[in-house]
Amino acid sequence: RALASSLAADLPRAASSGRIAICISEAAAAPLRPFDFTEIRIAAAPDEPAMLSALGKPAAPV
C-alpha cells in the first residue's frame, strides 16, 4: 500500500492512460483509482503466484 501511495503522489495523471495496473490487494489499489488506468487488476491472494496470474493476458491491446 505504501508503494501505491508513493506512486500515486509522483505519477503524472497522463502516465496511467492506456496501461494496466496489477495490485496485491484492494487496499493497495485504492490510491490508484483516481488515475486513468485502462484496467486495475487485483490479485486473488496476496502472494507472488496470484500476482503473476493477475498479469494474465490484457483485455485490450496495450
N, C-alpha and C. Protein backbone atom coordinates (compact mmCIF):
# COMPACT_ATOMS: atom_id res chain seq x y z
N ARG A 1 0.82 -1.19 0.00
CA ARG A 1 0.00 0.00 0.00
C ARG A 1 0.87 1.26 0.00
N ALA A 2 1.97 1.23 0.71
CA ALA A 2 2.86 2.39 0.76
C ALA A 2 3.43 2.69 -0.62
N LEU A 3 3.78 1.64 -1.36
CA LEU A 3 4.31 1.83 -2.71
C LEU A 3 3.25 2.46 -3.61
N ALA A 4 2.02 1.98 -3.52
CA ALA A 4 0.94 2.54 -4.35
C ALA A 4 0.69 4.00 -3.99
N SER A 5 0.73 4.33 -2.71
CA SER A 5 0.53 5.72 -2.29
C SER A 5 1.65 6.61 -2.80
N SER A 6 2.87 6.12 -2.72
CA SER A 6 4.02 6.88 -3.22
C SER A 6 3.92 7.07 -4.73
N LEU A 7 3.56 6.02 -5.43
CA LEU A 7 3.39 6.09 -6.88
C LEU A 7 2.30 7.10 -7.24
N ALA A 8 1.19 7.05 -6.53
CA ALA A 8 0.09 7.97 -6.80
C ALA A 8 0.50 9.42 -6.58
N ALA A 9 1.39 9.65 -5.62
CA ALA A 9 1.84 11.02 -5.33
C ALA A 9 2.75 11.56 -6.43
N ASP A 10 3.51 10.68 -7.07
CA ASP A 10 4.51 11.12 -8.04
C ASP A 10 4.14 10.90 -9.50
N LEU A 11 3.17 10.08 -9.77
CA LEU A 11 2.82 9.72 -11.15
C LEU A 11 1.99 10.81 -11.82
N PRO A 12 2.45 11.32 -12.95
CA PRO A 12 1.60 12.26 -13.68
C PRO A 12 0.32 11.54 -14.13
N ARG A 13 -0.81 12.18 -14.02
CA ARG A 13 -2.10 11.55 -14.36
C ARG A 13 -2.08 10.92 -15.74
N ALA A 14 -1.48 11.58 -16.71
CA ALA A 14 -1.48 11.07 -18.09
C ALA A 14 -0.64 9.81 -18.25
N ALA A 15 0.27 9.55 -17.32
CA ALA A 15 1.15 8.38 -17.44
C ALA A 15 0.40 7.06 -17.29
N SER A 16 -0.78 7.09 -16.70
CA SER A 16 -1.54 5.85 -16.49
C SER A 16 -2.44 5.51 -17.67
N SER A 17 -2.67 6.43 -18.55
CA SER A 17 -3.58 6.23 -19.67
C SER A 17 -3.12 5.08 -20.56
N GLY A 18 -4.03 4.15 -20.83
CA GLY A 18 -3.74 3.02 -21.70
C GLY A 18 -2.92 1.92 -21.04
N ARG A 19 -2.76 1.98 -19.73
CA ARG A 19 -1.95 0.98 -19.02
C ARG A 19 -2.82 0.16 -18.07
N ILE A 20 -2.29 -1.00 -17.70
CA ILE A 20 -2.96 -1.88 -16.74
C ILE A 20 -2.15 -1.86 -15.45
N ALA A 21 -2.84 -1.71 -14.32
CA ALA A 21 -2.19 -1.79 -13.01
C ALA A 21 -2.52 -3.14 -12.39
N ILE A 22 -1.52 -3.78 -11.81
CA ILE A 22 -1.70 -5.04 -11.10
C ILE A 22 -1.43 -4.76 -9.63
N CYS A 23 -2.40 -5.03 -8.76
CA CYS A 23 -2.26 -4.72 -7.34
C CYS A 23 -2.41 -5.98 -6.50
N ILE A 24 -1.72 -5.99 -5.37
CA ILE A 24 -1.74 -7.15 -4.49
C ILE A 24 -3.02 -7.21 -3.65
N SER A 25 -3.70 -6.08 -3.50
CA SER A 25 -4.94 -6.05 -2.70
C SER A 25 -5.78 -4.85 -3.10
N GLU A 26 -7.03 -4.86 -2.66
CA GLU A 26 -7.93 -3.73 -2.89
C GLU A 26 -7.37 -2.49 -2.21
N ALA A 27 -6.81 -2.66 -1.01
CA ALA A 27 -6.24 -1.52 -0.28
C ALA A 27 -5.08 -0.90 -1.05
N ALA A 28 -4.27 -1.73 -1.68
CA ALA A 28 -3.15 -1.22 -2.47
C ALA A 28 -3.64 -0.52 -3.73
N ALA A 29 -4.77 -0.95 -4.24
CA ALA A 29 -5.33 -0.35 -5.46
C ALA A 29 -6.01 0.99 -5.20
N ALA A 30 -6.48 1.20 -3.99
CA ALA A 30 -7.26 2.41 -3.67
C ALA A 30 -6.59 3.71 -4.10
N PRO A 31 -5.29 3.93 -3.81
CA PRO A 31 -4.67 5.20 -4.22
C PRO A 31 -4.56 5.37 -5.74
N LEU A 32 -4.69 4.28 -6.47
CA LEU A 32 -4.54 4.35 -7.94
C LEU A 32 -5.87 4.58 -8.65
N ARG A 33 -6.98 4.45 -7.95
CA ARG A 33 -8.31 4.58 -8.57
C ARG A 33 -8.54 5.91 -9.29
N PRO A 34 -8.04 7.04 -8.78
CA PRO A 34 -8.28 8.31 -9.48
C PRO A 34 -7.58 8.42 -10.84
N PHE A 35 -6.63 7.54 -11.10
CA PHE A 35 -5.88 7.61 -12.35
C PHE A 35 -6.67 6.97 -13.49
N ASP A 36 -6.19 7.17 -14.69
CA ASP A 36 -6.89 6.73 -15.90
C ASP A 36 -6.35 5.39 -16.41
N PHE A 37 -6.12 4.42 -15.51
CA PHE A 37 -5.67 3.11 -15.95
C PHE A 37 -6.77 2.46 -16.78
N THR A 38 -6.39 1.75 -17.84
CA THR A 38 -7.35 1.01 -18.64
C THR A 38 -8.05 -0.02 -17.78
N GLU A 39 -7.28 -0.61 -16.88
CA GLU A 39 -7.80 -1.66 -16.00
C GLU A 39 -6.93 -1.73 -14.76
N ILE A 40 -7.56 -1.99 -13.62
CA ILE A 40 -6.83 -2.26 -12.38
C ILE A 40 -7.21 -3.67 -11.97
N ARG A 41 -6.21 -4.56 -11.98
CA ARG A 41 -6.45 -5.96 -11.61
C ARG A 41 -5.97 -6.19 -10.18
N ILE A 42 -6.78 -6.92 -9.43
CA ILE A 42 -6.45 -7.25 -8.05
C ILE A 42 -6.12 -8.74 -7.98
N ALA A 43 -4.99 -9.07 -7.38
CA ALA A 43 -4.59 -10.46 -7.22
C ALA A 43 -5.60 -11.19 -6.33
N ALA A 44 -5.85 -12.46 -6.62
CA ALA A 44 -6.81 -13.26 -5.86
C ALA A 44 -6.31 -13.53 -4.44
N ALA A 45 -5.01 -13.50 -4.23
CA ALA A 45 -4.40 -13.69 -2.92
C ALA A 45 -3.16 -12.80 -2.85
N PRO A 46 -2.76 -12.42 -1.65
CA PRO A 46 -1.60 -11.53 -1.53
C PRO A 46 -0.27 -12.28 -1.60
N ASP A 47 -0.03 -12.90 -2.76
CA ASP A 47 1.23 -13.63 -2.92
C ASP A 47 1.70 -13.57 -4.37
N GLU A 48 2.94 -13.99 -4.58
CA GLU A 48 3.54 -13.89 -5.91
C GLU A 48 2.79 -14.69 -6.98
N PRO A 49 2.40 -15.95 -6.72
CA PRO A 49 1.67 -16.68 -7.76
C PRO A 49 0.38 -15.97 -8.20
N ALA A 50 -0.33 -15.39 -7.24
CA ALA A 50 -1.57 -14.69 -7.58
C ALA A 50 -1.29 -13.41 -8.37
N MET A 51 -0.19 -12.73 -8.03
CA MET A 51 0.18 -11.52 -8.79
C MET A 51 0.52 -11.89 -10.23
N LEU A 52 1.29 -12.97 -10.41
CA LEU A 52 1.64 -13.40 -11.76
C LEU A 52 0.41 -13.83 -12.53
N SER A 53 -0.51 -14.49 -11.86
CA SER A 53 -1.76 -14.91 -12.50
C SER A 53 -2.58 -13.69 -12.92
N ALA A 54 -2.58 -12.65 -12.09
CA ALA A 54 -3.33 -11.43 -12.40
C ALA A 54 -2.78 -10.74 -13.65
N LEU A 55 -1.50 -10.94 -13.93
CA LEU A 55 -0.93 -10.36 -15.15
C LEU A 55 -1.64 -10.91 -16.37
N GLY A 56 -1.83 -12.22 -16.41
CA GLY A 56 -2.57 -12.86 -17.49
C GLY A 56 -2.33 -12.24 -18.84
N LYS A 57 -3.37 -12.23 -19.65
CA LYS A 57 -3.34 -11.58 -20.96
C LYS A 57 -4.18 -10.31 -20.86
N PRO A 58 -3.74 -9.22 -21.46
CA PRO A 58 -4.53 -7.99 -21.40
C PRO A 58 -5.87 -8.13 -22.11
N ALA A 59 -6.87 -7.48 -21.56
CA ALA A 59 -8.20 -7.50 -22.16
C ALA A 59 -8.23 -6.70 -23.46
N ALA A 60 -7.34 -5.74 -23.57
CA ALA A 60 -7.26 -4.89 -24.77
C ALA A 60 -5.79 -4.71 -25.13
N PRO A 61 -5.50 -4.34 -26.36
CA PRO A 61 -4.11 -4.09 -26.72
C PRO A 61 -3.50 -3.01 -25.83
N VAL A 62 -2.29 -3.23 -25.42
CA VAL A 62 -1.62 -2.27 -24.53
C VAL A 62 -0.50 -1.61 -25.29
